[in-house]
N, C-alpha and C. Protein backbone atom coordinates (compact mmCIF):
# COMPACT_ATOMS: atom_id res chain seq x y z
N MET A 1 -33.59 -4.55 -24.67
CA MET A 1 -32.74 -3.50 -24.14
C MET A 1 -32.56 -3.68 -22.63
N ARG A 2 -33.71 -3.94 -21.96
CA ARG A 2 -33.65 -4.08 -20.50
C ARG A 2 -32.83 -5.30 -20.10
N LYS A 3 -32.97 -6.40 -20.86
CA LYS A 3 -32.19 -7.61 -20.57
C LYS A 3 -30.70 -7.32 -20.73
N GLY A 4 -30.35 -6.51 -21.72
CA GLY A 4 -28.95 -6.13 -21.93
C GLY A 4 -28.39 -5.35 -20.77
N LEU A 5 -29.18 -4.43 -20.21
CA LEU A 5 -28.74 -3.65 -19.05
C LEU A 5 -28.59 -4.53 -17.82
N VAL A 6 -29.53 -5.44 -17.62
CA VAL A 6 -29.46 -6.35 -16.48
C VAL A 6 -28.23 -7.24 -16.61
N LEU A 7 -27.99 -7.76 -17.80
CA LEU A 7 -26.82 -8.61 -18.03
C LEU A 7 -25.53 -7.83 -17.81
N ALA A 8 -25.47 -6.60 -18.29
CA ALA A 8 -24.28 -5.78 -18.08
C ALA A 8 -24.06 -5.50 -16.60
N ALA A 9 -25.12 -5.23 -15.88
CA ALA A 9 -25.00 -4.98 -14.43
C ALA A 9 -24.52 -6.23 -13.71
N MET A 10 -25.02 -7.40 -14.10
CA MET A 10 -24.59 -8.65 -13.48
C MET A 10 -23.11 -8.92 -13.76
N MET A 11 -22.68 -8.67 -14.99
CA MET A 11 -21.28 -8.89 -15.35
C MET A 11 -20.37 -7.94 -14.57
N ALA A 12 -20.78 -6.70 -14.40
CA ALA A 12 -19.99 -5.73 -13.64
C ALA A 12 -19.89 -6.15 -12.18
N THR A 13 -20.99 -6.67 -11.64
CA THR A 13 -20.99 -7.12 -10.24
C THR A 13 -20.03 -8.28 -10.06
N VAL A 14 -20.04 -9.23 -10.98
CA VAL A 14 -19.12 -10.37 -10.90
C VAL A 14 -17.67 -9.89 -11.02
N ALA A 15 -17.40 -9.01 -11.97
CA ALA A 15 -16.03 -8.52 -12.17
C ALA A 15 -15.55 -7.76 -10.94
N LEU A 16 -16.37 -6.90 -10.40
CA LEU A 16 -15.97 -6.13 -9.22
C LEU A 16 -15.93 -7.00 -7.97
N GLY A 17 -16.77 -8.01 -7.93
CA GLY A 17 -16.78 -8.91 -6.77
C GLY A 17 -15.47 -9.65 -6.64
N GLY A 18 -14.86 -10.05 -7.75
CA GLY A 18 -13.56 -10.72 -7.71
C GLY A 18 -12.50 -9.81 -7.13
N ALA A 19 -12.52 -8.54 -7.51
CA ALA A 19 -11.53 -7.60 -6.99
C ALA A 19 -11.76 -7.33 -5.52
N ALA A 20 -13.03 -7.31 -5.12
CA ALA A 20 -13.34 -7.03 -3.72
C ALA A 20 -12.91 -8.17 -2.81
N MET A 21 -12.76 -9.37 -3.35
CA MET A 21 -12.40 -10.52 -2.53
C MET A 21 -10.91 -10.57 -2.23
N ALA A 22 -10.11 -9.86 -2.98
CA ALA A 22 -8.67 -9.84 -2.73
C ALA A 22 -8.39 -9.21 -1.37
N ALA A 23 -7.44 -9.79 -0.66
CA ALA A 23 -7.12 -9.32 0.69
C ALA A 23 -5.88 -8.43 0.67
N GLU A 24 -5.76 -7.61 1.71
CA GLU A 24 -4.55 -6.83 1.92
C GLU A 24 -4.05 -7.11 3.34
N VAL A 25 -2.80 -7.50 3.43
CA VAL A 25 -2.18 -7.82 4.72
C VAL A 25 -1.11 -6.78 4.98
N GLU A 26 -1.07 -6.26 6.21
CA GLU A 26 -0.05 -5.29 6.58
C GLU A 26 1.09 -5.97 7.33
N VAL A 27 2.32 -5.63 6.94
CA VAL A 27 3.52 -6.13 7.60
C VAL A 27 4.30 -4.91 8.07
N LYS A 28 4.57 -4.85 9.36
CA LYS A 28 5.32 -3.73 9.93
C LYS A 28 6.82 -3.98 9.84
N MET A 29 7.57 -2.92 9.57
CA MET A 29 9.02 -2.98 9.59
C MET A 29 9.44 -2.31 10.90
N LEU A 30 10.02 -3.12 11.83
CA LEU A 30 10.25 -2.66 13.19
C LEU A 30 11.71 -2.77 13.63
N ASN A 31 12.12 -1.84 14.51
CA ASN A 31 13.42 -1.96 15.17
C ASN A 31 13.38 -3.06 16.23
N LYS A 32 12.23 -3.19 16.89
CA LYS A 32 12.06 -4.22 17.92
C LYS A 32 10.62 -4.70 17.88
N GLY A 33 10.49 -6.03 17.83
CA GLY A 33 9.16 -6.63 17.80
C GLY A 33 9.08 -7.79 18.76
N ALA A 34 8.02 -8.56 18.67
CA ALA A 34 7.80 -9.70 19.56
C ALA A 34 8.90 -10.75 19.43
N GLU A 35 9.51 -10.85 18.24
CA GLU A 35 10.53 -11.88 18.00
C GLU A 35 11.95 -11.34 18.06
N GLY A 36 12.14 -10.10 18.54
CA GLY A 36 13.48 -9.57 18.68
C GLY A 36 13.69 -8.26 17.95
N ALA A 37 14.97 -7.97 17.69
CA ALA A 37 15.35 -6.71 17.04
C ALA A 37 15.37 -6.88 15.53
N MET A 38 15.08 -5.78 14.83
CA MET A 38 15.11 -5.71 13.38
C MET A 38 14.27 -6.83 12.76
N VAL A 39 12.95 -6.62 12.75
CA VAL A 39 12.03 -7.67 12.29
C VAL A 39 10.94 -7.12 11.38
N PHE A 40 10.43 -8.01 10.55
CA PHE A 40 9.17 -7.80 9.87
C PHE A 40 8.13 -8.47 10.77
N GLU A 41 7.00 -7.81 10.97
CA GLU A 41 5.99 -8.39 11.84
C GLU A 41 4.62 -8.27 11.18
N PRO A 42 4.02 -9.41 10.81
CA PRO A 42 4.52 -10.78 10.97
C PRO A 42 5.60 -11.09 9.94
N ALA A 43 6.47 -12.02 10.30
CA ALA A 43 7.56 -12.41 9.41
C ALA A 43 7.12 -13.44 8.37
N LEU A 44 6.04 -14.15 8.66
CA LEU A 44 5.51 -15.16 7.75
C LEU A 44 4.06 -14.81 7.44
N VAL A 45 3.76 -14.68 6.15
CA VAL A 45 2.41 -14.34 5.71
C VAL A 45 1.99 -15.36 4.66
N THR A 46 0.80 -15.89 4.82
CA THR A 46 0.24 -16.82 3.84
C THR A 46 -0.97 -16.16 3.20
N ILE A 47 -0.93 -16.03 1.86
CA ILE A 47 -1.99 -15.34 1.12
C ILE A 47 -2.36 -16.13 -0.12
N GLN A 48 -3.33 -15.63 -0.85
CA GLN A 48 -3.76 -16.23 -2.10
C GLN A 48 -3.32 -15.35 -3.27
N PRO A 49 -3.17 -15.92 -4.46
CA PRO A 49 -2.82 -15.09 -5.63
C PRO A 49 -3.81 -13.93 -5.78
N GLY A 50 -3.28 -12.74 -6.06
CA GLY A 50 -4.10 -11.55 -6.20
C GLY A 50 -4.18 -10.72 -4.93
N ASP A 51 -3.73 -11.29 -3.80
CA ASP A 51 -3.72 -10.54 -2.55
C ASP A 51 -2.52 -9.59 -2.52
N THR A 52 -2.61 -8.59 -1.67
CA THR A 52 -1.58 -7.55 -1.56
C THR A 52 -0.98 -7.56 -0.17
N VAL A 53 0.33 -7.39 -0.10
CA VAL A 53 1.02 -7.20 1.17
C VAL A 53 1.52 -5.77 1.17
N LYS A 54 1.18 -5.05 2.24
CA LYS A 54 1.60 -3.65 2.39
C LYS A 54 2.63 -3.60 3.51
N PHE A 55 3.85 -3.24 3.16
CA PHE A 55 4.93 -3.11 4.12
C PHE A 55 4.88 -1.70 4.70
N ILE A 56 4.70 -1.61 6.01
CA ILE A 56 4.52 -0.33 6.70
C ILE A 56 5.83 0.09 7.36
N ALA A 57 6.29 1.29 7.06
CA ALA A 57 7.53 1.82 7.63
C ALA A 57 7.23 2.34 9.04
N THR A 58 6.99 1.41 9.96
CA THR A 58 6.65 1.79 11.34
C THR A 58 7.82 2.48 12.02
N ASP A 59 9.01 1.90 11.89
CA ASP A 59 10.24 2.51 12.41
C ASP A 59 11.11 2.94 11.24
N LYS A 60 11.94 3.93 11.47
CA LYS A 60 12.79 4.48 10.40
C LYS A 60 13.99 3.58 10.11
N GLY A 61 14.50 3.70 8.87
CA GLY A 61 15.72 3.01 8.49
C GLY A 61 15.53 1.65 7.83
N HIS A 62 14.28 1.33 7.42
CA HIS A 62 14.00 0.02 6.85
C HIS A 62 13.41 0.13 5.46
N ASN A 63 13.56 -0.96 4.70
CA ASN A 63 12.88 -1.11 3.42
C ASN A 63 12.47 -2.57 3.29
N ALA A 64 11.72 -2.87 2.24
CA ALA A 64 11.35 -4.24 1.91
C ALA A 64 11.71 -4.47 0.46
N GLU A 65 12.42 -5.57 0.22
CA GLU A 65 12.76 -5.92 -1.16
C GLU A 65 12.84 -7.42 -1.31
N SER A 66 12.68 -7.88 -2.54
CA SER A 66 12.71 -9.31 -2.81
C SER A 66 14.14 -9.84 -2.69
N VAL A 67 14.23 -11.12 -2.35
CA VAL A 67 15.53 -11.80 -2.24
C VAL A 67 15.74 -12.59 -3.53
N ALA A 68 16.87 -12.36 -4.19
CA ALA A 68 17.18 -13.06 -5.44
C ALA A 68 17.14 -14.57 -5.22
N GLY A 69 16.47 -15.28 -6.12
CA GLY A 69 16.38 -16.74 -6.05
C GLY A 69 15.25 -17.25 -5.18
N MET A 70 14.56 -16.34 -4.49
CA MET A 70 13.47 -16.76 -3.60
C MET A 70 12.12 -16.23 -4.10
N MET A 71 11.88 -16.48 -5.39
CA MET A 71 10.62 -16.08 -6.00
C MET A 71 10.29 -17.11 -7.07
N PRO A 72 9.01 -17.30 -7.37
CA PRO A 72 8.66 -18.23 -8.46
C PRO A 72 9.12 -17.67 -9.80
N GLU A 73 9.32 -18.56 -10.74
CA GLU A 73 9.75 -18.16 -12.07
C GLU A 73 8.75 -17.19 -12.68
N GLY A 74 9.27 -16.09 -13.24
CA GLY A 74 8.43 -15.11 -13.90
C GLY A 74 7.90 -14.01 -13.00
N ALA A 75 8.12 -14.14 -11.69
CA ALA A 75 7.66 -13.08 -10.77
C ALA A 75 8.60 -11.88 -10.86
N ALA A 76 8.04 -10.71 -10.75
CA ALA A 76 8.83 -9.48 -10.83
C ALA A 76 9.52 -9.20 -9.49
N THR A 77 10.78 -8.78 -9.56
CA THR A 77 11.49 -8.36 -8.35
C THR A 77 10.98 -6.99 -7.92
N PHE A 78 11.23 -6.63 -6.67
CA PHE A 78 10.83 -5.32 -6.20
C PHE A 78 11.82 -4.83 -5.15
N VAL A 79 11.97 -3.51 -5.09
CA VAL A 79 12.85 -2.86 -4.12
C VAL A 79 12.13 -1.62 -3.60
N GLY A 80 11.82 -1.63 -2.31
CA GLY A 80 11.20 -0.47 -1.69
C GLY A 80 12.26 0.53 -1.25
N LYS A 81 11.86 1.77 -1.12
CA LYS A 81 12.78 2.81 -0.65
C LYS A 81 12.81 2.83 0.87
N ILE A 82 13.94 3.23 1.43
CA ILE A 82 14.09 3.35 2.88
C ILE A 82 13.04 4.34 3.42
N ASN A 83 12.42 3.97 4.53
CA ASN A 83 11.43 4.79 5.24
C ASN A 83 10.13 5.00 4.48
N GLU A 84 9.85 4.19 3.47
CA GLU A 84 8.62 4.36 2.71
C GLU A 84 7.81 3.08 2.70
N GLU A 85 6.49 3.24 2.71
CA GLU A 85 5.60 2.10 2.59
C GLU A 85 5.68 1.55 1.18
N LEU A 86 5.37 0.27 1.07
CA LEU A 86 5.40 -0.40 -0.22
C LEU A 86 4.28 -1.42 -0.25
N ALA A 87 3.45 -1.38 -1.28
CA ALA A 87 2.37 -2.36 -1.44
C ALA A 87 2.67 -3.20 -2.68
N ILE A 88 2.68 -4.51 -2.50
CA ILE A 88 2.97 -5.44 -3.59
C ILE A 88 1.80 -6.41 -3.71
N THR A 89 1.27 -6.56 -4.92
CA THR A 89 0.25 -7.56 -5.19
C THR A 89 0.95 -8.80 -5.74
N PHE A 90 0.74 -9.92 -5.10
CA PHE A 90 1.39 -11.18 -5.47
C PHE A 90 0.42 -12.00 -6.32
N ASP A 91 0.74 -12.14 -7.62
CA ASP A 91 -0.14 -12.84 -8.55
C ASP A 91 0.27 -14.28 -8.81
N LYS A 92 1.55 -14.59 -8.63
CA LYS A 92 2.04 -15.93 -8.93
C LYS A 92 2.19 -16.75 -7.65
N PRO A 93 1.64 -17.97 -7.64
CA PRO A 93 1.83 -18.83 -6.47
C PRO A 93 3.31 -19.13 -6.26
N GLY A 94 3.73 -19.17 -5.00
CA GLY A 94 5.13 -19.48 -4.70
C GLY A 94 5.57 -18.97 -3.35
N VAL A 95 6.82 -19.26 -3.04
CA VAL A 95 7.47 -18.77 -1.84
C VAL A 95 8.29 -17.55 -2.25
N TYR A 96 8.12 -16.45 -1.53
CA TYR A 96 8.84 -15.21 -1.80
C TYR A 96 9.65 -14.85 -0.56
N GLY A 97 10.96 -14.64 -0.72
CA GLY A 97 11.79 -14.15 0.36
C GLY A 97 11.84 -12.64 0.33
N ILE A 98 11.76 -12.03 1.51
CA ILE A 98 11.77 -10.58 1.65
C ILE A 98 12.91 -10.20 2.59
N LYS A 99 13.58 -9.09 2.30
CA LYS A 99 14.65 -8.63 3.20
C LYS A 99 14.59 -7.12 3.34
N CYS A 100 15.14 -6.65 4.45
CA CYS A 100 15.44 -5.24 4.64
C CYS A 100 16.92 -5.13 4.31
N LYS A 101 17.26 -4.44 3.25
CA LYS A 101 18.65 -4.40 2.80
C LYS A 101 19.63 -3.95 3.88
N PRO A 102 19.37 -2.86 4.63
CA PRO A 102 20.36 -2.45 5.64
C PRO A 102 20.51 -3.44 6.79
N HIS A 103 19.50 -4.27 7.05
CA HIS A 103 19.52 -5.15 8.22
C HIS A 103 19.41 -6.63 7.84
N TYR A 104 19.73 -6.95 6.60
CA TYR A 104 19.64 -8.33 6.09
C TYR A 104 20.50 -9.28 6.92
N ALA A 105 21.76 -8.96 7.12
CA ALA A 105 22.67 -9.84 7.88
C ALA A 105 22.27 -9.95 9.35
N MET A 106 21.47 -8.98 9.84
CA MET A 106 20.99 -9.04 11.22
C MET A 106 19.75 -9.91 11.34
N GLY A 107 19.30 -10.47 10.21
CA GLY A 107 18.16 -11.38 10.23
C GLY A 107 16.82 -10.74 9.97
N MET A 108 16.81 -9.51 9.45
CA MET A 108 15.53 -8.86 9.15
C MET A 108 15.05 -9.34 7.79
N VAL A 109 14.37 -10.49 7.84
CA VAL A 109 13.84 -11.14 6.64
C VAL A 109 12.42 -11.60 6.92
N GLY A 110 11.71 -11.86 5.85
CA GLY A 110 10.35 -12.37 5.96
C GLY A 110 10.06 -13.29 4.80
N MET A 111 8.92 -13.97 4.90
CA MET A 111 8.53 -14.91 3.86
C MET A 111 7.05 -14.75 3.56
N ILE A 112 6.73 -14.71 2.27
CA ILE A 112 5.35 -14.66 1.82
C ILE A 112 5.09 -15.97 1.08
N VAL A 113 4.08 -16.70 1.51
CA VAL A 113 3.68 -17.94 0.83
C VAL A 113 2.38 -17.63 0.12
N VAL A 114 2.40 -17.76 -1.21
CA VAL A 114 1.25 -17.42 -2.04
C VAL A 114 0.66 -18.70 -2.63
N GLY A 115 -0.58 -18.99 -2.28
CA GLY A 115 -1.29 -20.13 -2.84
C GLY A 115 -0.57 -21.44 -2.61
N LYS A 116 -0.52 -22.26 -3.67
CA LYS A 116 0.15 -23.56 -3.63
C LYS A 116 1.52 -23.42 -4.28
N PRO A 117 2.55 -23.17 -3.47
CA PRO A 117 3.87 -22.89 -4.04
C PRO A 117 4.51 -24.13 -4.67
N THR A 118 5.30 -23.88 -5.70
CA THR A 118 6.04 -24.95 -6.37
C THR A 118 7.54 -24.71 -6.31
N ASN A 119 7.97 -23.59 -5.75
CA ASN A 119 9.39 -23.23 -5.76
C ASN A 119 10.05 -23.31 -4.39
N GLU A 120 9.41 -23.98 -3.41
CA GLU A 120 9.98 -23.97 -2.07
C GLU A 120 11.35 -24.63 -1.99
N ALA A 121 11.59 -25.70 -2.77
CA ALA A 121 12.90 -26.36 -2.74
C ALA A 121 13.99 -25.44 -3.26
N GLU A 122 13.72 -24.73 -4.35
CA GLU A 122 14.70 -23.81 -4.91
C GLU A 122 14.95 -22.64 -3.96
N ALA A 123 13.87 -22.11 -3.37
CA ALA A 123 14.01 -20.98 -2.45
C ALA A 123 14.81 -21.37 -1.22
N ALA A 124 14.65 -22.60 -0.76
CA ALA A 124 15.35 -23.06 0.44
C ALA A 124 16.86 -23.21 0.21
N LYS A 125 17.28 -23.33 -1.04
CA LYS A 125 18.70 -23.51 -1.36
C LYS A 125 19.49 -22.20 -1.37
N VAL A 126 18.80 -21.07 -1.36
CA VAL A 126 19.48 -19.77 -1.43
C VAL A 126 20.27 -19.55 -0.14
N THR A 127 21.50 -19.04 -0.28
CA THR A 127 22.33 -18.78 0.90
C THR A 127 22.11 -17.34 1.37
N HIS A 128 22.30 -17.15 2.69
CA HIS A 128 22.04 -15.85 3.31
C HIS A 128 23.16 -15.50 4.28
N PRO A 129 23.42 -14.20 4.47
CA PRO A 129 24.46 -13.79 5.41
C PRO A 129 23.99 -13.81 6.86
N GLY A 130 24.92 -13.98 7.77
CA GLY A 130 24.68 -13.80 9.21
C GLY A 130 23.44 -14.47 9.74
N LYS A 131 22.69 -13.73 10.53
CA LYS A 131 21.49 -14.24 11.20
C LYS A 131 20.34 -14.53 10.23
N ALA A 132 20.39 -13.97 9.03
CA ALA A 132 19.33 -14.22 8.05
C ALA A 132 19.22 -15.72 7.74
N LYS A 133 20.35 -16.42 7.78
CA LYS A 133 20.35 -17.87 7.52
C LYS A 133 19.46 -18.60 8.53
N GLN A 134 19.64 -18.31 9.83
CA GLN A 134 18.85 -18.96 10.87
C GLN A 134 17.38 -18.52 10.82
N THR A 135 17.16 -17.25 10.54
CA THR A 135 15.79 -16.75 10.50
C THR A 135 15.02 -17.41 9.37
N PHE A 136 15.64 -17.51 8.18
CA PHE A 136 14.95 -18.17 7.07
C PHE A 136 14.73 -19.66 7.37
N ALA A 137 15.68 -20.31 8.02
CA ALA A 137 15.49 -21.72 8.38
C ALA A 137 14.26 -21.88 9.27
N ALA A 138 14.11 -20.98 10.24
CA ALA A 138 12.94 -21.03 11.13
C ALA A 138 11.65 -20.74 10.35
N LEU A 139 11.70 -19.78 9.43
CA LEU A 139 10.52 -19.46 8.64
C LEU A 139 10.12 -20.61 7.74
N PHE A 140 11.09 -21.30 7.15
CA PHE A 140 10.77 -22.47 6.33
C PHE A 140 10.12 -23.56 7.19
N GLY A 141 10.58 -23.72 8.43
CA GLY A 141 9.97 -24.68 9.34
C GLY A 141 8.52 -24.33 9.63
N ARG A 142 8.28 -23.06 9.92
CA ARG A 142 6.91 -22.61 10.19
C ARG A 142 6.05 -22.65 8.93
N ALA A 143 6.64 -22.33 7.80
CA ALA A 143 5.88 -22.29 6.54
C ALA A 143 5.54 -23.69 6.05
N GLY A 144 6.28 -24.70 6.48
CA GLY A 144 6.02 -26.07 6.05
C GLY A 144 4.60 -26.48 6.29
N VAL A 145 4.03 -26.07 7.40
CA VAL A 145 2.64 -26.39 7.71
C VAL A 145 1.72 -25.70 6.73
N SER A 146 1.95 -24.43 6.45
CA SER A 146 1.11 -23.68 5.50
C SER A 146 1.21 -24.27 4.10
N ILE A 147 2.42 -24.65 3.70
CA ILE A 147 2.61 -25.21 2.35
C ILE A 147 1.94 -26.56 2.25
N ALA A 148 2.05 -27.40 3.26
CA ALA A 148 1.42 -28.71 3.24
C ALA A 148 -0.10 -28.57 3.19
N GLN A 149 -0.66 -27.61 3.92
CA GLN A 149 -2.10 -27.41 3.91
C GLN A 149 -2.59 -26.88 2.58
N ALA A 150 -1.77 -26.11 1.87
CA ALA A 150 -2.16 -25.54 0.59
C ALA A 150 -2.19 -26.59 -0.52
N LYS A 151 -1.42 -27.65 -0.36
CA LYS A 151 -1.32 -28.67 -1.42
C LYS A 151 -2.39 -29.72 -1.33
């Protein structure tokens, strides 16, 4: 009986230990940040599968939502509400594009790199309006180092 209790306690510790190891990263939605106007800060986040990104509505008028075509196959899309925080747990390795819908063309975009991505070529082919095109190009340049290190 005692061995059964010890074994159950050990299994619970291992199960809870895995959950405790998952990280949470905060990304602010800002009118003005270190890299200019209408930004996610940080705009590039590198995490592991099972980690969570929490988008903080620091300034009003912003949301966070996934960009069509910039997610690994089988990943769920998401759309946050304006002026509200949104926490997303990323379970599938890949490159995820993020946008603020009202300020997308102004370049308010971000990128989440999860684990060892396999969809970076497909994600890089997606077209974007206005300044978002240049911002994503810069993010792919910066993410290249993270992706190379993950592989």
